[in-house]
C-alpha atoms as a PDB file:
ATOM      1  CA  UNK A   1      74.053-136.622 103.339  1.00  0.00           C
ATOM      2  CA  UNK A   2      77.989-137.195 103.111  1.00  0.00           C
ATOM      3  CA  UNK A   3      77.652-139.898 100.300  1.00  0.00           C
ATOM      4  CA  UNK A   4      75.292-136.681  98.247  1.00  0.00           C
ATOM      5  CA  UNK A   5      78.051-134.451  99.344  1.00  0.00           C
ATOM      6  CA  UNK A   6      80.858-136.199  98.110  1.00  0.00           C
ATOM      7  CA  UNK A   7      79.079-136.872  94.553  1.00  0.00           C
ATOM      8  CA  UNK A   8      78.640-133.228  93.945  1.00  0.00           C
ATOM      9  CA  UNK A   9      81.819-132.352  94.697  1.00  0.00           C
ATOM     10  CA  UNK A  10      83.473-134.778  92.855  1.00  0.00           C
ATOM     11  CA  UNK A  11      80.898-134.001  89.776  1.00  0.00           C
ATOM     12  CA  UNK A  12      81.735-130.472  90.220  1.00  0.00           C
ATOM     13  CA  UNK A  13      85.483-130.907  89.853  1.00  0.00           C
ATOM     14  CA  UNK A  14      85.324-133.269  86.677  1.00  0.00           C
ATOM     15  CA  UNK A  15      83.915-129.959  85.203  1.00  0.00           C
ATOM     16  CA  UNK A  16      86.872-127.599  86.563  1.00  0.00           C
ATOM     17  CA  UNK A  17      89.269-129.886  84.531  1.00  0.00           C
ATOM     18  CA  UNK A  18      90.700-128.328  81.079  1.00  0.00           C
ATOM     19  CA  UNK A  19      92.499-129.089  78.306  1.00  0.00           C
ATOM     20  CA  UNK A  20      95.329-126.888  79.708  1.00  0.00           C
ATOM     21  CA  UNK A  21      96.902-128.938  82.178  1.00  0.00           C
ATOM     22  CA  UNK A  22      98.122-126.267  84.534  1.00  0.00           C
ATOM     23  CA  UNK A  23      94.828-124.194  84.077  1.00  0.00           C
ATOM     24  CA  UNK A  24      92.620-127.714  84.989  1.00  0.00           C
ATOM     25  CA  UNK A  25      94.898-128.459  88.124  1.00  0.00           C
ATOM     26  CA  UNK A  26      94.540-124.657  89.011  1.00  0.00           C
ATOM     27  CA  UNK A  27      90.755-124.994  88.683  1.00  0.00           C
ATOM     28  CA  UNK A  28      90.155-128.093  90.697  1.00  0.00           C
ATOM     29  CA  UNK A  29      92.430-126.743  93.685  1.00  0.00           C
ATOM     30  CA  UNK A  30      90.519-123.406  93.964  1.00  0.00           C
ATOM     31  CA  UNK A  31      87.384-125.518  93.708  1.00  0.00           C
ATOM     32  CA  UNK A  32      88.050-127.789  96.134  1.00  0.00           C
ATOM     33  CA  UNK A  33      89.301-125.395  98.598  1.00  0.00           C
ATOM     34  CA  UNK A  34      86.358-123.370  97.920  1.00  0.00           C
ATOM     35  CA  UNK A  35      84.281-126.512  98.638  1.00  0.00           C
ATOM     36  CA  UNK A  36      86.070-127.113 101.801  1.00  0.00           C
ATOM     37  CA  UNK A  37      85.331-123.786 102.991  1.00  0.00           C
ATOM     38  CA  UNK A  38      81.704-123.739 102.411  1.00  0.00           C
ATOM     39  CA  UNK A  39      81.378-127.334 103.965  1.00  0.00           C
ATOM     40  CA  UNK A  40      83.434-127.577 106.780  1.00  0.00           C
ATOM     41  CA  UNK A  41      81.608-130.167 109.065  1.00  0.00           C
ATOM     42  CA  UNK A  42      81.407-132.745 105.547  1.00  0.00           C
ATOM     43  CA  UNK A  43      84.974-131.883 104.597  1.00  0.00           C
ATOM     44  CA  UNK A  44      86.378-132.590 108.477  1.00  0.00           C
ATOM     45  CA  UNK A  45      84.252-135.850 108.570  1.00  0.00           C
ATOM     46  CA  UNK A  46      85.842-136.817 105.340  1.00  0.00           C
ATOM     47  CA  UNK A  47      89.397-135.830 106.135  1.00  0.00           C
ATOM     48  CA  UNK A  48      89.346-136.654 109.480  1.00  0.00           C
ATOM     49  CA  UNK A  49      88.130-140.232 109.710  1.00  0.00           C
ATOM     50  CA  UNK A  50      90.188-143.485 109.172  1.00  0.00           C
ATOM     51  CA  UNK A  51      89.439-144.572 105.582  1.00  0.00           C
ATOM     52  CA  UNK A  52      88.476-147.755 106.706  1.00  0.00           C
ATOM     53  CA  UNK A  53      85.702-146.445 109.058  1.00  0.00           C
ATOM     54  CA  UNK A  54      84.840-143.859 106.059  1.00  0.00           C
ATOM     55  CA  UNK A  55      84.352-146.913 103.568  1.00  0.00           C
ATOM     56  CA  UNK A  56      82.065-149.033 106.073  1.00  0.00           C
ATOM     57  CA  UNK A  57      79.748-146.079 106.440  1.00  0.00           C
ATOM     58  CA  UNK A  58      79.137-145.277 102.919  1.00  0.00           C
ATOM     59  CA  UNK A  59      76.789-146.919 100.237  1.00  0.00           C
ATOM     60  CA  UNK A  60      78.234-149.494  97.651  1.00  0.00           C
ATOM     61  CA  UNK A  61      76.789-147.017  94.823  1.00  0.00           C
ATOM     62  CA  UNK A  62      78.819-144.187  96.438  1.00  0.00           C
ATOM     63  CA  UNK A  63      81.946-146.063  96.868  1.00  0.00           C
ATOM     64  CA  UNK A  64      81.617-147.000  93.342  1.00  0.00           C
ATOM     65  CA  UNK A  65      81.388-143.372  92.223  1.00  0.00           C
ATOM     66  CA  UNK A  66      84.368-142.645  94.174  1.00  0.00           C
ATOM     67  CA  UNK A  67      86.269-145.253  92.501  1.00  0.00           C
ATOM     68  CA  UNK A  68      85.565-143.992  88.863  1.00  0.00           C
ATOM     69  CA  UNK A  69      86.047-140.476  89.910  1.00  0.00           C
ATOM     70  CA  UNK A  70      89.563-141.261  90.757  1.00  0.00           C
ATOM     71  CA  UNK A  71      89.902-143.243  87.772  1.00  0.00           C
ATOM     72  CA  UNK A  72      89.003-140.587  85.686  1.00  0.00           C
ATOM     73  CA  UNK A  73      91.495-138.215  87.068  1.00  0.00           C
ATOM     74  CA  UNK A  74      94.141-140.588  86.534  1.00  0.00           C
ATOM     75  CA  UNK A  75      93.019-140.817  82.826  1.00  0.00           C
ATOM     76  CA  UNK A  76      93.014-137.116  82.493  1.00  0.00           C
ATOM     77  CA  UNK A  77      96.536-136.729  84.120  1.00  0.00           C
ATOM     78  CA  UNK A  78      97.910-139.367  82.169  1.00  0.00           C
ATOM     79  CA  UNK A  79      96.385-137.842  79.193  1.00  0.00           C
ATOM     80  CA  UNK A  80      97.982-134.237  79.891  1.00  0.00           C
ATOM     81  CA  UNK A  81     101.340-136.088  80.195  1.00  0.00           C
ATOM     82  CA  UNK A  82     101.555-136.291  84.006  1.00  0.00           C
ATOM     83  CA  UNK A  83     103.234-139.895  84.046  1.00  0.00           C
ATOM     84  CA  UNK A  84     105.853-138.869  81.561  1.00  0.00           C
ATOM     85  CA  UNK A  85     106.605-135.955  83.721  1.00  0.00           C
ATOM     86  CA  UNK A  86     107.103-137.557  87.118  1.00  0.00           C
ATOM     87  CA  UNK A  87     108.419-140.744  86.118  1.00  0.00           C
ATOM     88  CA  UNK A  88     104.728-143.102  86.763  1.00  0.00           C
ATOM     89  CA  UNK A  89     103.419-145.471  84.712  1.00  0.00           C
END
């Protein structure tokens, strides 16, 4: 259940990323907060358990999907100048 919820949440967040940087970030934050409100128990589990415990409890496909999600978000941020703005590379 947690893995499926996490996958779906990340899929929806990727859809919210827009060509306009400010709009994309704003929509992702709004959608994430709505998800937390709608999925309090899962959100509490994901945010309240240590990362090591969470990693051990999720399947390899879910963990791989999580890595792909964060890599895609990092790519989107770089494509929209994030690294240049905060001095990251």
